Amino acid sequence: MSTEKLVKMAKQLLEKPFWIPSVETKVFYERVHDDNEGKEEGKLIIWVSHEGDVYIKTDKHVGNSLRFRTLFGGGMSLRVRNALLLLVYAIQLDNEEKPQNFVAKR
C-alpha cells in the first residue's frame, strides 16, 4: 500500500469518532519503553473512562493525568483523542504478543 493511501486512511480514521470493541474502560493500559534496562521505569499509562474520554500519563508524571475528551464532553482535540484510542489498542496488542512481566491491567 502506498504512503499516500496510508496517510489518507489515517486522516479518515482520525476525523470521526469510533470505538474499538476489545478496549475496556477503567482499565490501565501500560507499556514500559524499550530502553528500560529491565527496570519498571519509563512507563506509559493510558485508560479510557466510561464516557469515552482518554487519559494519559507516565510513571514520571507529577500531577493530574492529561485528559482528551469526546465531543460531547467538550473535547477540543478530537483527533488526538482518536489517536490515543488507537495507541491503547496498540498497547493491548503488544501486551498480548510480547508481555512485559511487570505490566498488568488493574
Protein backbone atom coordinates (compact mmCIF):
# COMPACT_ATOMS: atom_id res chain seq x y z
CA MET A 1 0.00 0.00 0.00
CA SER A 2 1.36 3.43 -0.87
CA THR A 3 2.28 6.00 1.75
CA GLU A 4 -0.21 8.39 0.17
CA LYS A 5 -3.04 5.90 0.63
CA LEU A 6 -2.00 5.16 4.23
CA VAL A 7 -1.96 8.87 5.08
CA LYS A 8 -5.41 9.30 3.53
CA MET A 9 -6.74 6.35 5.56
CA ALA A 10 -5.16 7.71 8.75
CA LYS A 11 -6.79 11.10 8.21
CA GLN A 12 -10.18 9.47 7.63
CA LEU A 13 -9.77 7.42 10.80
CA LEU A 14 -8.83 10.45 12.89
CA GLU A 15 -11.73 12.57 11.60
CA LYS A 16 -14.65 10.56 13.02
CA PRO A 17 -15.25 9.16 16.49
CA PHE A 18 -15.01 5.39 16.75
CA TRP A 19 -14.72 2.64 19.34
CA ILE A 20 -12.56 -0.49 19.39
CA PRO A 21 -14.64 -3.31 20.92
CA SER A 22 -11.71 -5.03 22.68
CA VAL A 23 -10.76 -1.85 24.57
CA GLU A 24 -12.13 -1.85 28.11
CA THR A 25 -12.97 1.24 30.10
CA LYS A 26 -11.50 1.86 33.54
CA VAL A 27 -8.53 -0.41 32.74
CA PHE A 28 -4.95 0.87 32.78
CA TYR A 29 -3.10 0.03 29.57
CA GLU A 30 0.60 0.25 30.36
CA ARG A 31 3.80 -0.23 28.42
CA VAL A 32 7.38 0.36 29.53
CA HIS A 33 9.65 1.97 26.94
CA ASP A 34 12.23 -0.14 25.11
CA ASP A 35 15.39 1.26 26.74
CA ASN A 36 14.36 0.40 30.30
CA GLU A 37 17.32 -1.92 31.06
CA GLY A 38 15.00 -4.44 32.69
CA LYS A 39 13.50 -1.98 35.14
CA GLU A 40 9.90 -0.94 35.58
CA GLU A 41 10.67 2.69 34.80
CA GLY A 42 9.54 4.91 31.98
CA LYS A 43 6.02 3.56 31.79
CA LEU A 44 3.30 4.99 29.54
CA ILE A 45 -0.15 4.65 31.13
CA ILE A 46 -3.43 5.22 29.27
CA TRP A 47 -7.03 4.50 30.22
CA VAL A 48 -10.48 5.31 28.92
CA SER A 49 -13.37 6.48 31.08
CA HIS A 50 -16.87 5.09 30.65
CA GLU A 51 -17.72 8.39 28.88
CA GLY A 52 -15.01 7.69 26.28
CA ASP A 53 -12.54 10.33 27.47
CA VAL A 54 -8.91 9.17 27.15
CA TYR A 55 -6.41 9.85 29.94
CA ILE A 56 -2.64 9.62 29.58
CA LYS A 57 0.34 9.94 31.90
CA THR A 58 3.71 8.40 32.60
CA ASP A 59 5.07 6.99 35.82
CA LYS A 60 7.34 10.07 35.98
CA HIS A 61 4.41 12.50 35.57
CA VAL A 62 3.53 14.62 38.60
CA GLY A 63 0.01 15.96 38.96
CA ASN A 64 -3.24 15.13 37.25
CA SER A 65 -3.37 12.95 34.17
CA LEU A 66 -3.89 14.59 30.81
CA ARG A 67 -7.45 14.16 29.55
CA PHE A 68 -8.69 14.28 25.99
CA ARG A 69 -12.47 14.45 25.93
CA THR A 70 -15.08 13.33 23.45
CA LEU A 71 -17.07 15.93 21.54
CA PHE A 72 -19.97 15.59 23.97
CA GLY A 73 -17.62 16.23 26.87
CA GLY A 74 -16.37 19.46 25.33
CA GLY A 75 -13.33 17.92 23.65
CA MET A 76 -11.14 20.28 21.66
CA SER A 77 -8.61 17.71 20.41
CA LEU A 78 -10.84 15.04 18.91
CA ARG A 79 -8.19 13.73 16.52
CA VAL A 80 -5.71 13.41 19.37
CA ARG A 81 -8.32 11.51 21.38
CA ASN A 82 -8.86 9.13 18.44
CA ALA A 83 -5.10 8.66 18.03
CA LEU A 84 -4.77 7.87 21.75
CA LEU A 85 -7.54 5.30 21.43
CA LEU A 86 -5.51 3.68 18.66
CA LEU A 87 -2.48 3.80 20.97
CA VAL A 88 -4.50 1.95 23.65
CA TYR A 89 -5.25 -0.72 21.05
CA ALA A 90 -1.57 -0.90 20.03
CA ILE A 91 -0.55 -1.36 23.69
CA GLN A 92 -3.19 -4.06 24.06
CA LEU A 93 -1.82 -5.92 21.01
CA ASP A 94 1.81 -5.54 22.12
CA ASN A 95 0.97 -6.75 25.64
CA GLU A 96 -0.69 -9.83 24.14
CA GLU A 97 2.17 -10.57 21.74
CA LYS A 98 5.13 -9.53 23.92
CA PRO A 99 4.01 -9.29 27.55
CA GLN A 100 6.09 -7.30 30.00
CA ASN A 101 6.01 -9.24 33.26
CA PHE A 102 5.83 -6.14 35.42
CA VAL A 103 2.97 -4.57 33.45
CA ALA A 104 -0.52 -5.62 34.48
CA LYS A 105 -4.03 -4.36 33.90
CA ARG A 106 -5.73 -3.02 37.02
